Every structure is written in C-alpha cells, then in structure tokens.
Amino acid sequence: MALPTFNTKSPTIKRILKEATELSSHPDPTLHAAPLESNLFEWHFTLQGPPSTPYSEGAYHGRIILPPTYPLRPPSFRFLTPSGRFEVNREICLSISGHHEETWQPAWGIRTALWALRAFMEGDAKGQVGGMEMPEKERRRLAGESKTWKCQGCGGRSNEDILKEEGAEAGEGSANEHVVPEELKFGFRDQMAAAEGKDMAKDKGMRVVTTPAPDPSPASASAASPSPPTLSPPEAIHPTRTVPVALTSHVPPPLPTATQQTQSDGVPAWVDKAITGLVAALAVMIIKKILL
C-alpha cells in the first residue's frame, strides 16, 4: 500500500506506521483496519459482530480519526454501517474515544481499541452519546444487510469481501486471541464512574489505619480511669465538701462588740485595760517623788 510522504522521524508517524505494519503482517479474520492512502491519520475498519449476540452475523464498517499527538491522545470512532447499536456517522462517547482522554493509555493501539469496541456492542446504549436502542429483531435484520454494505473509500468492496480477504491471509484457525484490558471493558460514563468509585473505596480502605476500640469490659474501664486516693478514717467519715467562693472584693471583718470582747477565761477585756492604766499612773507618781 503506497502512502504519501511523511516525516518518518516524528514519533507519531513512527507509531502509526508500526501499527499499520503489525495489522497487515498479523491479520485477524474478525477485523480489518488500515489508514487511507491519502491520509495517514484517517483509518477505516471492518469489524465482525460479537458472537452470541444479535450482531454476530454482521460485518460493520467505520472510521477512525487519529489526533496529531497520537498515541498520547486517544482516537475517535464512528460507524458508517447501520447496526441498531450505534448511530451512523456520529462520534461515539466511550472510554476508548477522545471523549475520555483520562482513561486512555498510549500503550494501547488500534487493534486493542477495536476489540474493546466490539465488546461494547454487547451492552445497552443507556442514552449515551452515539448509542441507540432498537428491537433485537431489527438489529438482526441490519446485521444480515451489513455484509453487502460497501465503502467507496475502500475501493468499493463489501464488508463481507474485506473480512474474507483478511481471513484468507490469516489462514484457517489463526484468529488472534482477543484480550481486552480491564480498563477498556467499561464503555460508558456511568460504568466508568462506578468502577472509579470502587477503586477509590478500595484505595481508601488500604490507606486507613484502624485503631482498636476500647474494651467495654469493667476490668478495662477500671484500668483506664485513675483510681481515687486512699482516705484516712477521719476523711472517710467526714468527706471534704467543696465550698463555692464568691468572686467579690475583699471586705474587712466588722469590729467585735463589747459583749463579744471576752477572753477565753471569762474576764472582760476592759478590766485588763483599767489595771494597765492604774499601774502606769502609779509609776509616774513614783518617778516624780524621786526626782523632787
């Protein structure tokens, strides 16, 4: 297949040429994919429907648009053959498409993406962009008609002829094993959100450090709480009571009254003062007589 001249030193061009060579040298009777001769970034594919489904007898044709920075960014996909599962010529919103760059990994390639795309056909549309709902009977009818659908950009060959040529090159019983990565098994946004929620819960569970709960038994409760001080017998009989203290300014105590000024032996305090006064007076009189 003759291709236009490209900058073969570009990592993107090297990757695209490598994948085109790999798909050509290792054919798969259930799919075909190759870039157009006029545009290395536009590919056409033909895909056999998933087995044991209403699409199993069908052969579906579509387009792949590679971004200029492929494989750092994911490709975009759209079907050209009516299938009853995807809208015709409308970009599909899937985990492998440009709608969800966060789920794409550069290690994946065109072949892996097509295997995942076929696996997505088995699910329901659920109102997602590019998906559609249709009765099973109509999907089986479209599957039978899809074999004769022809793409003018692929030389006017029918889908059935393209897969027959691919099978002839591959040989009998040489179909490749279709291994779809776990990350690509989730086709739509709600499925990816559910998977991310499980992964986040799993990660949180791995990071949480559990602390053992305290033992509610009486023995552990007594060990956890400080034991009260041992009281002497008087304290045990007359426990200390807490007396509230009012936060007021200091007021000096009132002077004792005459009735309160009584010594402990029962003698009034004024008698002591009178005796002291008489002794002092006598001392003064004696001193005067001595001096005179």
Protein backbone atom coordinates (compact mmCIF):
# COMPACT_ATOMS: atom_id res chain seq x y z
CA MET A 1 0.00 0.00 0.00
CA ALA A 2 1.56 3.27 -1.16
CA LEU A 3 1.43 6.07 1.35
CA PRO A 4 2.16 9.79 0.93
CA THR A 5 5.49 11.11 2.13
CA PHE A 6 5.55 11.87 5.83
CA ASN A 7 8.17 12.88 8.35
CA THR A 8 9.27 9.44 9.42
CA LYS A 9 11.29 10.93 12.31
CA SER A 10 8.09 12.03 14.03
CA PRO A 11 7.19 9.74 16.97
CA THR A 12 3.52 9.89 15.93
CA ILE A 13 4.28 8.85 12.34
CA LYS A 14 6.57 6.06 13.55
CA ARG A 15 3.83 4.73 15.80
CA ILE A 16 1.16 4.86 13.09
CA LEU A 17 3.38 3.10 10.52
CA LYS A 18 4.32 0.49 13.09
CA GLU A 19 0.69 -0.31 13.86
CA ALA A 20 -0.23 -0.42 10.17
CA THR A 21 2.59 -2.88 9.52
CA GLU A 22 1.64 -5.01 12.52
CA LEU A 23 -2.01 -5.25 11.46
CA SER A 24 -1.01 -6.15 7.93
CA SER A 25 1.58 -8.78 8.89
CA HIS A 26 -0.66 -10.36 11.56
CA PRO A 27 -4.13 -10.43 10.00
CA ASP A 28 -7.23 -11.23 12.04
CA PRO A 29 -10.20 -12.80 10.21
CA THR A 30 -12.61 -10.94 12.50
CA LEU A 31 -11.37 -7.41 11.79
CA HIS A 32 -9.51 -5.27 9.30
CA ALA A 33 -8.03 -1.81 9.81
CA ALA A 34 -5.72 0.32 7.68
CA PRO A 35 -5.04 4.02 7.03
CA LEU A 36 -6.26 5.69 3.86
CA GLU A 37 -3.68 6.19 1.14
CA SER A 38 -4.44 9.91 1.11
CA ASN A 39 -4.42 10.49 4.87
CA LEU A 40 -2.34 8.57 7.38
CA PHE A 41 -4.44 9.93 10.27
CA GLU A 42 -7.74 8.58 8.94
CA TRP A 43 -8.27 4.85 9.17
CA HIS A 44 -11.14 2.63 8.04
CA PHE A 45 -12.04 -0.57 9.81
CA THR A 46 -14.33 -3.54 9.22
CA LEU A 47 -15.45 -5.44 12.28
CA GLN A 48 -17.29 -8.72 12.67
CA GLY A 49 -20.08 -8.55 15.26
CA PRO A 50 -19.58 -10.10 18.71
CA PRO A 51 -20.61 -13.79 18.89
CA SER A 52 -23.82 -14.92 20.62
CA THR A 53 -25.44 -11.52 20.06
CA PRO A 54 -27.88 -10.07 17.51
CA TYR A 55 -24.79 -8.69 15.70
CA SER A 56 -22.93 -12.00 15.36
CA GLU A 57 -23.82 -12.42 11.67
CA GLY A 58 -22.98 -8.82 10.84
CA ALA A 59 -19.91 -7.06 9.42
CA TYR A 60 -19.67 -3.36 10.24
CA HIS A 61 -17.59 -0.63 8.69
CA GLY A 62 -16.38 2.59 10.32
CA ARG A 63 -13.82 5.38 10.53
CA ILE A 64 -11.01 6.10 12.98
CA ILE A 65 -9.56 9.60 13.29
CA LEU A 66 -6.16 9.81 14.96
CA PRO A 67 -5.17 13.07 16.70
CA PRO A 68 -1.89 14.78 15.71
CA THR A 69 -0.36 13.72 19.04
CA TYR A 70 -1.35 10.04 18.82
CA PRO A 71 -0.78 7.85 20.84
CA LEU A 72 -0.62 10.39 23.66
CA ARG A 73 -4.26 11.19 22.95
CA PRO A 74 -6.94 8.63 22.03
CA PRO A 75 -8.54 8.18 18.60
CA SER A 76 -12.16 8.88 17.73
CA PHE A 77 -14.54 6.26 16.33
CA ARG A 78 -17.75 6.30 14.29
CA PHE A 79 -19.70 3.61 12.44
CA LEU A 80 -20.70 4.01 8.80
CA THR A 81 -22.73 0.78 8.59
CA PRO A 82 -26.18 0.77 10.29
CA SER A 83 -26.19 -1.63 13.22
CA GLY A 84 -29.04 -0.58 15.51
CA ARG A 85 -26.48 -0.21 18.29
CA PHE A 86 -24.55 2.92 17.27
CA GLU A 87 -25.75 5.92 15.32
CA VAL A 88 -24.40 6.18 11.79
CA ASN A 89 -21.54 8.63 11.19
CA ARG A 90 -21.63 10.04 14.72
CA GLU A 91 -18.67 10.03 17.07
CA ILE A 92 -19.11 7.53 19.88
CA CYS A 93 -18.61 8.54 23.51
CA LEU A 94 -16.67 5.62 25.00
CA SER A 95 -13.74 5.08 27.33
CA ILE A 96 -11.50 4.39 24.31
CA SER A 97 -12.53 7.53 22.41
CA GLY A 98 -11.48 11.16 22.52
CA HIS A 99 -14.38 11.93 24.87
CA HIS A 100 -12.45 10.39 27.77
CA GLU A 101 -8.76 11.09 27.39
CA GLU A 102 -8.21 10.36 31.09
CA THR A 103 -8.86 6.64 30.57
CA TRP A 104 -6.67 6.22 27.50
CA GLN A 105 -3.19 4.74 27.75
CA PRO A 106 -0.58 5.19 24.98
CA ALA A 107 0.36 1.51 25.24
CA TRP A 108 -2.97 0.59 23.68
CA GLY A 109 -3.31 0.52 19.91
CA ILE A 110 -5.83 0.30 17.08
CA ARG A 111 -6.24 -3.46 17.35
CA THR A 112 -6.88 -3.38 21.10
CA ALA A 113 -9.31 -0.47 20.70
CA LEU A 114 -11.30 -2.38 18.04
CA TRP A 115 -11.55 -5.43 20.28
CA ALA A 116 -12.91 -3.19 23.01
CA LEU A 117 -15.30 -1.53 20.56
CA ARG A 118 -16.72 -4.92 19.60
CA ALA A 119 -17.14 -5.82 23.27
CA PHE A 120 -19.07 -2.56 23.80
CA MET A 121 -21.62 -3.65 21.21
CA GLU A 122 -22.88 -6.31 23.63
CA GLY A 123 -24.08 -3.71 26.14
CA ASP A 124 -27.03 -1.34 26.13
CA ALA A 125 -26.86 2.26 24.92
CA LYS A 126 -28.33 3.76 28.13
CA GLY A 127 -28.85 7.07 26.39
CA GLN A 128 -25.16 7.74 25.82
CA VAL A 129 -23.79 9.87 23.00
CA GLY A 130 -23.60 7.86 19.78
CA GLY A 131 -25.58 4.93 21.18
CA MET A 132 -29.11 3.92 20.27
CA GLU A 133 -31.79 1.44 21.24
CA MET A 134 -33.54 -0.84 18.75
CA PRO A 135 -35.52 -4.10 18.98
CA GLU A 136 -33.47 -7.25 18.64
CA LYS A 137 -35.34 -8.27 15.50
CA GLU A 138 -34.30 -5.07 13.72
CA ARG A 139 -30.70 -5.47 14.84
CA ARG A 140 -30.59 -8.98 13.37
CA ARG A 141 -32.02 -7.68 10.12
CA LEU A 142 -29.40 -4.94 9.93
CA ALA A 143 -26.70 -7.49 10.70
CA GLY A 144 -27.71 -9.53 7.64
CA GLU A 145 -27.75 -6.43 5.43
CA SER A 146 -24.40 -5.17 6.72
CA LYS A 147 -22.42 -7.81 4.82
CA THR A 148 -23.23 -6.27 1.45
CA TRP A 149 -22.60 -2.67 2.59
CA LYS A 150 -19.79 -1.10 0.53
CA CYS A 151 -17.36 1.72 1.26
CA GLN A 152 -16.32 3.76 -1.74
CA GLY A 153 -13.22 4.95 0.07
CA CYS A 154 -12.07 1.33 0.41
CA GLY A 155 -12.27 0.53 -3.28
CA GLY A 156 -15.98 -0.28 -3.33
CA ARG A 157 -15.50 -3.63 -1.62
CA SER A 158 -18.26 -5.02 0.57
CA ASN A 159 -17.74 -5.67 4.26
CA GLU A 160 -18.05 -9.40 3.65
CA ASP A 161 -15.35 -9.33 0.95
CA ILE A 162 -12.97 -7.37 3.19
CA LEU A 163 -13.25 -9.91 6.02
CA LYS A 164 -12.93 -12.83 3.58
CA GLU A 165 -9.68 -11.41 2.26
CA GLU A 166 -8.44 -10.90 5.79
CA GLY A 167 -9.36 -14.48 6.69
CA ALA A 168 -7.62 -15.84 3.61
CA GLU A 169 -4.42 -14.05 4.53
CA ALA A 170 -4.68 -15.19 8.14
CA GLY A 171 -5.36 -18.84 7.28
CA GLU A 172 -7.63 -21.34 8.98
CA GLY A 173 -7.81 -21.22 12.77
CA SER A 174 -5.39 -18.32 13.04
CA ALA A 175 -7.67 -15.80 14.74
CA ASN A 176 -5.84 -13.79 17.34
CA GLU A 177 -6.85 -14.04 20.99
CA HIS A 178 -8.97 -11.02 21.84
CA VAL A 179 -7.64 -9.78 25.15
CA VAL A 180 -9.38 -6.59 26.21
CA PRO A 181 -7.72 -4.68 29.09
CA GLU A 182 -9.84 -4.31 32.19
CA GLU A 183 -9.81 -0.52 31.87
CA LEU A 184 -11.40 -0.78 28.40
CA LYS A 185 -14.25 -3.06 29.44
CA PHE A 186 -16.22 -0.07 30.71
CA GLY A 187 -17.80 1.56 27.71
CA PHE A 188 -19.83 4.45 29.05
CA ARG A 189 -19.53 7.22 31.61
CA ASP A 190 -21.78 5.64 34.26
CA GLN A 191 -19.89 2.34 34.06
CA MET A 192 -16.55 4.12 34.39
CA ALA A 193 -17.84 6.20 37.31
CA ALA A 194 -18.97 3.06 39.11
CA ALA A 195 -15.61 1.42 38.52
CA GLU A 196 -13.73 4.52 39.71
CA GLY A 197 -15.89 4.60 42.83
CA LYS A 198 -14.95 1.02 43.65
CA ASP A 199 -11.28 1.73 43.04
CA MET A 200 -11.40 4.82 45.27
CA ALA A 201 -13.11 2.87 48.03
CA LYS A 202 -10.51 0.15 47.70
CA ASP A 203 -7.66 2.66 47.83
CA LYS A 204 -9.14 4.37 50.86
CA GLY A 205 -9.53 1.05 52.60
CA MET A 206 -5.86 0.30 52.01
CA ARG A 207 -4.74 3.65 53.40
CA VAL A 208 -6.93 3.77 56.51
CA VAL A 209 -5.14 2.81 59.74
CA THR A 210 -7.60 1.26 62.12
CA THR A 211 -7.31 1.93 65.84
CA PRO A 212 -8.53 -0.78 68.21
CA ALA A 213 -11.68 0.21 70.04
CA PRO A 214 -11.54 0.37 73.84
CA ASP A 215 -12.65 -2.77 75.65
CA PRO A 216 -16.04 -2.06 77.28
CA SER A 217 -15.45 -4.67 80.00
CA PRO A 218 -15.43 -3.48 83.66
CA ALA A 219 -11.82 -4.57 84.10
CA SER A 220 -10.62 -2.37 81.24
CA ALA A 221 -12.78 0.51 82.38
CA SER A 222 -11.25 0.44 85.84
CA ALA A 223 -7.78 0.23 84.34
CA ALA A 224 -8.42 3.16 82.01
CA SER A 225 -9.77 5.50 84.73
CA PRO A 226 -7.42 6.76 87.52
CA SER A 227 -8.07 5.19 90.91
CA PRO A 228 -9.23 7.62 93.70
CA PRO A 229 -6.80 8.48 96.53
CA THR A 230 -6.95 6.40 99.71
CA LEU A 231 -8.71 8.29 102.53
CA SER A 232 -7.75 8.19 106.17
CA PRO A 233 -10.50 7.14 108.60
CA PRO A 234 -11.46 10.74 109.61
CA GLU A 235 -11.64 11.77 105.98
CA ALA A 236 -13.63 8.75 105.15
CA ILE A 237 -16.12 9.60 107.93
CA HIS A 238 -16.24 13.31 107.14
CA PRO A 239 -15.61 13.72 103.44
CA THR A 240 -14.35 17.08 102.29
CA ARG A 241 -17.07 19.31 100.88
CA THR A 242 -16.40 21.86 98.20
CA VAL A 243 -17.45 25.36 99.32
CA PRO A 244 -18.18 27.81 96.50
CA VAL A 245 -16.18 31.04 96.73
CA ALA A 246 -17.85 34.23 95.56
CA LEU A 247 -15.72 36.44 93.34
CA THR A 248 -16.21 39.70 95.33
CA SER A 249 -13.85 42.43 96.54
CA HIS A 250 -12.20 41.98 100.00
CA VAL A 251 -14.24 43.47 102.83
CA PRO A 252 -12.58 43.69 106.32
CA PRO A 253 -14.47 41.86 109.05
CA PRO A 254 -16.53 44.05 111.44
CA LEU A 255 -15.07 45.02 114.85
CA PRO A 256 -16.29 42.91 117.77
CA THR A 257 -18.84 44.43 120.07
CA ALA A 258 -18.41 44.86 123.87
CA THR A 259 -20.24 41.66 124.51
CA GLN A 260 -18.02 39.91 122.01
CA GLN A 261 -14.75 41.21 123.61
CA THR A 262 -14.49 38.46 126.19
CA GLN A 263 -11.40 36.47 126.84
CA SER A 264 -11.40 32.76 126.96
CA ASP A 265 -11.24 32.72 130.85
CA GLY A 266 -14.44 34.75 131.20
CA VAL A 267 -12.79 38.14 132.31
CA PRO A 268 -13.92 41.13 130.29
CA ALA A 269 -11.20 42.86 128.28
CA TRP A 270 -11.85 46.33 129.82
CA VAL A 271 -10.67 45.13 133.27
CA ASP A 272 -7.21 44.40 131.86
CA LYS A 273 -7.11 47.84 130.32
CA ALA A 274 -8.07 49.55 133.62
CA ILE A 275 -5.39 47.72 135.58
CA THR A 276 -2.80 48.64 132.96
CA GLY A 277 -3.81 52.30 133.27
CA LEU A 278 -3.55 52.33 137.11
CA VAL A 279 -0.10 50.71 137.02
CA ALA A 280 1.08 53.34 134.56
CA ALA A 281 -0.28 56.18 136.76
CA LEU A 282 1.43 54.82 139.91
CA ALA A 283 4.72 54.52 138.01
CA VAL A 284 4.52 58.20 137.02
CA MET A 285 3.82 59.33 140.64
CA ILE A 286 6.81 57.37 141.99
CA ILE A 287 9.16 58.86 139.41
CA LYS A 288 8.01 62.40 140.32
CA LYS A 289 8.66 61.88 144.06
CA ILE A 290 12.13 60.50 143.37
CA LEU A 291 13.06 63.47 141.25
CA LEU A 292 11.73 66.02 143.69
